[in-house]
Structure formats: C-alpha cells, structure tokens
Amino acid sequence: MSRRDYNQFCGLASALDAVGERWTLLIVRDLMGGPKRYSDLASSLHGIGTSLLAVRIKQLEADGVVVRRVLPPPAASTVYELTSVGWELADALVPLAVWGARHQLDPQRQDGQGFTPEWSLAVLARLLNAGSTVDVDAIYEFHIDGDIAHVTVADKATSVTTGPALGRADAVITTDSGTLASLVAGRISVVDAVGSARLALAGDETALQVLAAAIPPPQAAPGTKLNRLRSSPISE
C-alpha cells in the first residue's frame, strides 16, 4: 500500500507523511505502555482490521519507529516495541494527548466508548518520567472504572501493565476514567479531586507527591491563583 505525502520541506509535514495515517499514532500509544504482541495490538485497536494493522506496523518498522523482537523462553513470543526514535515520537505525543483531553474529550466517557486504563496511564507514565526531579523507583497501582493496571517507574524508565502489581504497590490510586482524564487535562487539581471523593490515594507519601507533581496544573481564567496543588500536602 503506497503512502501519499505532502511534498513539503517542513518538519511537521514530513512527520505527518510518516505517522499521519489513521491508526498509526494509536499503535504508538499502545506501545508506550511496553512491548506488545500482534494479538495485543489487534485486541486493543477495535476496528482496524488485521491486514491494515500489518501494513501500519510494517510502515512503522520501515521508518525506524518500531522494532520486532522475540522474547526469550519461556515466553518465546514475538513482540513489537518502540525504538529510541519511537520513544522520541511518544514524548512528542504527550502534549497532543493532553491537548485532546483538555479541549476535545467529554468530561465523562459515553456509553459504548472504548477505554482501557493503559491508554491514559501510558501518557501519565511519560509525564512521570519527564517531570520528576526526585529519583523515585515506585509501583503505582490504579483502579479505574473497576479495572486494574499498574505503572512501574524504575531507573527513569516507565512501563504500564494490565492487572494488579505483583507484590505490594508503593501507592494505590482509585478513580474513574473521567476524573483521570480531567486530571491530565488540567480541568481539576489533585486536591479538589480528593476533596470531592473522585480520587482516593493511599501509600508512600513521596511516591504520591511525585505523582501529583507530574500532573499538569489546572488551567484557570487569568488572575486566578493556582497554588493549592503545589503547596497542599497529600495524605492517605
């Protein structure tokens, strides 16, 4: 399948030549959580079709964004993961995802609208990776709309895994998909979400403070002071 291009000497146009086609950036989003099998991607990307998914993955491989790897035994599965070029793209997507949550996403998920915690947590994990000024290795377990996933932060690297943490998590966060999106979008502060019982936090104080610091500050009208998120302590 040939790709059309804009034929413009422009960085943005060239980027869109490579990743601007339908589904491509969502494949990158899914791989932001960690390596995935082909079947994992097909399951997550409802409606893409297996042949189109194969084409998109081959294009990403050809552009150096994704690489295929065989896991050692006992897994022995073929997975796809982001290259260093792919992670650079992933970090460029984080502000776009925040913008989308802030300006295009409804406050609450609509009936029939697809959602997995990993989608939001992959973005939050990159915010954690980029925003932390404290060296903290921690496991954050999230309970979102009845589903569980956990974010692992270790040696300045992050990963997102479906299901509960193996062993005790350093922090446990309970919320719903709408509140999580509002936090990432800057529609609500951590303090206000806790105060309105939309968010529950428990666990290590330092890990929770690192999480709060990674979340974008709330957006407000000119002249409004937004000191509460940074100055208020988080308690269990």
Protein backbone atom coordinates (compact mmCIF):
# COMPACT_ATOMS: atom_id res chain seq x y z
CA MET A 1 0.00 0.00 0.00
CA SER A 2 1.62 3.25 -1.12
CA ARG A 3 1.51 6.34 1.03
CA ARG A 4 0.72 9.82 -0.18
CA ASP A 5 2.93 12.64 1.03
CA TYR A 6 2.62 16.39 1.26
CA ASN A 7 5.83 17.01 -0.71
CA GLN A 8 6.70 19.95 1.54
CA PHE A 9 10.08 20.88 3.04
CA CYS A 10 8.61 21.10 6.52
CA GLY A 11 9.25 19.08 9.67
CA LEU A 12 5.56 18.82 10.56
CA ALA A 13 4.58 17.79 7.03
CA SER A 14 7.35 15.19 6.98
CA ALA A 15 6.24 13.82 10.35
CA LEU A 16 2.67 13.52 9.09
CA ASP A 17 3.95 11.78 5.96
CA ALA A 18 5.28 9.07 8.27
CA VAL A 19 2.69 8.82 11.05
CA GLY A 20 -0.32 10.86 9.97
CA GLU A 21 -2.38 7.98 8.60
CA ARG A 22 -5.35 6.57 10.51
CA TRP A 23 -4.44 4.23 13.41
CA THR A 24 -0.69 4.82 13.21
CA LEU A 25 -0.37 7.05 16.26
CA LEU A 26 -2.69 4.80 18.26
CA ILE A 27 -0.29 1.92 17.62
CA VAL A 28 2.46 4.13 19.04
CA ARG A 29 0.21 4.98 22.01
CA ASP A 30 -0.30 1.30 22.77
CA LEU A 31 3.43 0.60 22.55
CA MET A 32 4.10 3.43 25.01
CA GLY A 33 2.92 1.02 27.71
CA GLY A 34 5.58 -1.52 26.74
CA PRO A 35 6.19 -4.28 24.17
CA LYS A 36 3.07 -5.83 22.65
CA ARG A 37 2.28 -8.93 20.66
CA TYR A 38 0.44 -8.54 17.38
CA SER A 39 -2.65 -10.05 19.00
CA ASP A 40 -2.45 -7.49 21.84
CA LEU A 41 -2.48 -4.63 19.35
CA ALA A 42 -5.32 -6.17 17.34
CA SER A 43 -7.38 -6.60 20.51
CA SER A 44 -6.80 -3.03 21.66
CA LEU A 45 -7.42 -1.32 18.32
CA HIS A 46 -11.01 -2.32 17.69
CA GLY A 47 -11.98 -1.90 14.06
CA ILE A 48 -8.55 -1.64 12.48
CA GLY A 49 -8.64 -4.97 10.64
CA THR A 50 -5.73 -7.39 10.74
CA SER A 51 -4.44 -6.62 7.23
CA LEU A 52 -4.36 -2.87 7.84
CA LEU A 53 -2.66 -3.39 11.21
CA ALA A 54 0.04 -5.42 9.47
CA VAL A 55 0.56 -2.65 6.93
CA ARG A 56 0.80 0.04 9.59
CA ILE A 57 3.31 -1.98 11.65
CA LYS A 58 5.47 -2.60 8.57
CA GLN A 59 5.44 1.13 7.81
CA LEU A 60 6.49 1.94 11.37
CA GLU A 61 9.27 -0.64 11.16
CA ALA A 62 10.48 0.80 7.85
CA ASP A 63 10.54 4.29 9.39
CA GLY A 64 12.58 3.09 12.37
CA VAL A 65 9.84 3.80 14.89
CA VAL A 66 9.07 0.19 15.84
CA VAL A 67 11.22 -2.93 16.01
CA ARG A 68 10.19 -6.57 16.20
CA ARG A 69 11.79 -8.78 18.86
CA VAL A 70 11.42 -12.38 20.02
CA LEU A 71 11.21 -12.76 23.79
CA PRO A 72 13.40 -15.44 25.36
CA PRO A 73 11.86 -18.66 26.71
CA PRO A 74 9.55 -19.48 28.33
CA ALA A 75 7.57 -16.68 26.65
CA ALA A 76 9.16 -17.12 23.20
CA SER A 77 6.64 -14.65 21.76
CA THR A 78 7.22 -12.12 19.01
CA VAL A 79 6.58 -8.60 20.25
CA TYR A 80 6.78 -5.10 18.85
CA GLU A 81 8.35 -2.25 20.77
CA LEU A 82 9.37 1.35 20.27
CA THR A 83 12.91 2.20 19.21
CA SER A 84 14.71 5.27 20.56
CA VAL A 85 13.20 7.13 17.60
CA GLY A 86 9.79 5.77 18.59
CA TRP A 87 10.17 6.95 22.18
CA GLU A 88 11.10 10.39 20.91
CA LEU A 89 7.85 10.37 18.97
CA ALA A 90 5.97 9.09 22.04
CA ASP A 91 7.18 12.01 24.12
CA ALA A 92 6.13 14.39 21.36
CA LEU A 93 2.64 12.86 21.51
CA VAL A 94 2.15 13.52 25.23
CA PRO A 95 1.34 17.26 24.82
CA LEU A 96 -1.02 16.35 21.97
CA ALA A 97 -2.81 13.82 24.19
CA VAL A 98 -3.09 16.40 26.98
CA TRP A 99 -4.45 18.94 24.50
CA GLY A 100 -7.01 16.41 23.27
CA ALA A 101 -8.12 15.59 26.81
CA ARG A 102 -8.37 19.30 27.64
CA HIS A 103 -10.22 20.54 24.57
CA GLN A 104 -11.80 17.61 22.71
CA LEU A 105 -12.74 14.97 25.27
CA ASP A 106 -16.09 14.93 27.05
CA PRO A 107 -15.94 15.16 30.86
CA GLN A 108 -17.22 11.59 31.16
CA ARG A 109 -16.95 8.52 28.95
CA GLN A 110 -20.02 7.93 26.80
CA ASP A 111 -21.87 4.62 26.54
CA GLY A 112 -20.14 2.30 24.10
CA GLN A 113 -16.97 4.40 24.01
CA GLY A 114 -13.88 2.23 24.14
CA PHE A 115 -11.45 2.63 27.00
CA THR A 116 -8.64 0.76 28.67
CA PRO A 117 -6.69 2.18 31.65
CA GLU A 118 -3.43 1.62 29.79
CA TRP A 119 -4.27 4.33 27.25
CA SER A 120 -4.42 7.09 29.87
CA LEU A 121 -1.72 5.60 32.05
CA ALA A 122 0.78 5.43 29.17
CA VAL A 123 0.53 9.22 28.90
CA LEU A 124 0.68 9.67 32.67
CA ALA A 125 3.75 7.40 32.83
CA ARG A 126 5.61 9.62 30.36
CA LEU A 127 4.64 12.68 32.41
CA LEU A 128 6.09 10.92 35.44
CA ASN A 129 9.25 10.12 33.51
CA ALA A 130 9.71 13.67 32.27
CA GLY A 131 8.51 15.67 35.25
CA SER A 132 10.08 14.04 38.27
CA THR A 133 13.01 15.86 39.84
CA VAL A 134 13.24 13.19 42.55
CA ASP A 135 14.75 9.79 41.88
CA VAL A 136 11.93 7.51 42.92
CA ASP A 137 11.52 3.89 41.92
CA ALA A 138 7.91 3.05 42.59
CA ILE A 139 4.95 0.95 41.54
CA TYR A 140 1.63 2.76 41.22
CA GLU A 141 -1.47 0.57 41.14
CA PHE A 142 -4.51 2.21 39.55
CA HIS A 143 -8.13 1.13 39.99
CA ILE A 144 -10.13 2.80 37.22
CA ASP A 145 -13.78 2.03 36.46
CA GLY A 146 -13.32 -1.35 38.12
CA ASP A 147 -10.25 -2.25 36.04
CA ILE A 148 -6.74 -2.51 37.47
CA ALA A 149 -3.40 -1.65 35.91
CA HIS A 150 -0.07 -0.60 37.34
CA VAL A 151 2.69 1.78 36.35
CA THR A 152 6.27 0.84 37.18
CA VAL A 153 8.91 3.56 37.48
CA ALA A 154 12.47 2.24 37.69
CA ASP A 155 15.76 3.85 36.70
CA LYS A 156 13.94 6.72 34.94
CA ALA A 157 12.08 4.22 32.74
CA THR A 158 8.35 3.53 32.90
CA SER A 159 6.05 0.72 31.87
CA VAL A 160 2.33 0.06 32.12
CA THR A 161 0.94 -3.40 32.79
CA THR A 162 -2.64 -4.60 32.91
CA GLY A 163 -3.66 -6.15 36.21
CA PRO A 164 -2.57 -5.67 39.82
CA ALA A 165 1.04 -5.24 40.83
CA LEU A 166 2.98 -8.37 41.77
CA GLY A 167 3.56 -7.84 45.46
CA ARG A 168 2.72 -4.66 47.31
CA ALA A 169 2.37 -1.44 45.34
CA ASP A 170 4.01 1.70 46.69
CA ALA A 171 0.87 3.70 46.00
CA VAL A 172 -2.72 2.81 45.15
CA ILE A 173 -4.90 5.25 43.22
CA THR A 174 -8.63 4.74 42.84
CA THR A 175 -10.65 6.89 40.46
CA ASP A 176 -12.79 6.80 37.30
CA SER A 177 -11.84 7.37 33.67
CA GLY A 178 -13.45 10.80 33.53
CA THR A 179 -11.63 12.07 36.60
CA LEU A 180 -8.31 10.70 35.37
CA ALA A 181 -8.80 12.48 32.03
CA SER A 182 -9.73 15.70 33.85
CA LEU A 183 -6.58 15.50 35.97
CA VAL A 184 -4.34 15.01 32.94
CA ALA A 185 -6.24 17.77 31.09
CA GLY A 186 -5.83 20.27 33.92
CA ARG A 187 -9.57 20.52 34.49
CA ILE A 188 -9.28 19.59 38.16
CA SER A 189 -6.48 19.52 40.72
CA VAL A 190 -5.44 16.50 42.75
CA VAL A 191 -6.52 18.32 45.91
CA ASP A 192 -10.01 19.07 44.55
CA ALA A 193 -10.43 15.54 43.15
CA VAL A 194 -9.60 14.06 46.55
CA GLY A 195 -11.84 16.58 48.31
CA SER A 196 -14.81 15.70 46.09
CA ALA A 197 -14.24 11.95 46.63
CA ARG A 198 -13.48 11.44 42.94
CA LEU A 199 -9.95 10.31 43.73
CA ALA A 200 -8.56 8.20 46.57
CA LEU A 201 -4.84 7.97 47.30
CA ALA A 202 -3.01 5.62 49.61
CA GLY A 203 0.59 4.60 50.08
CA ASP A 204 4.05 6.11 50.26
CA GLU A 205 3.95 9.90 50.67
CA THR A 206 6.98 10.57 48.46
CA ALA A 207 5.62 8.42 45.62
CA LEU A 208 2.30 10.25 45.82
CA GLN A 209 3.98 13.65 45.81
CA VAL A 210 5.96 12.67 42.70
CA LEU A 211 2.71 11.61 41.02
CA ALA A 212 0.97 14.88 41.93
CA ALA A 213 3.89 16.94 40.65
CA ALA A 214 3.78 15.15 37.29
CA ILE A 215 0.13 16.02 36.66
CA PRO A 216 -0.32 19.26 34.70
CA PRO A 217 -1.56 22.15 36.87
CA PRO A 218 -5.21 23.14 36.42
CA GLN A 219 -5.99 25.66 33.73
CA ALA A 220 -7.79 28.74 35.03
CA ALA A 221 -9.01 32.13 33.94
CA PRO A 222 -6.45 34.97 34.01
CA GLY A 223 -5.82 36.25 37.51
CA THR A 224 -6.78 33.02 39.27
CA LYS A 225 -4.13 31.75 41.65
CA LEU A 226 -3.31 28.07 41.38
CA ASN A 227 -1.11 27.40 44.36
CA ARG A 228 -3.13 24.67 46.03
CA LEU A 229 -1.82 21.74 44.00
CA ARG A 230 1.81 22.58 44.67
CA SER A 231 1.50 23.72 48.28
CA SER A 232 -1.05 21.32 49.75
CA PRO A 233 0.26 18.03 51.15
CA ILE A 234 -1.24 14.76 50.01
CA SER A 235 -2.28 12.43 52.76
CA GLU A 236 -3.51 8.88 52.72
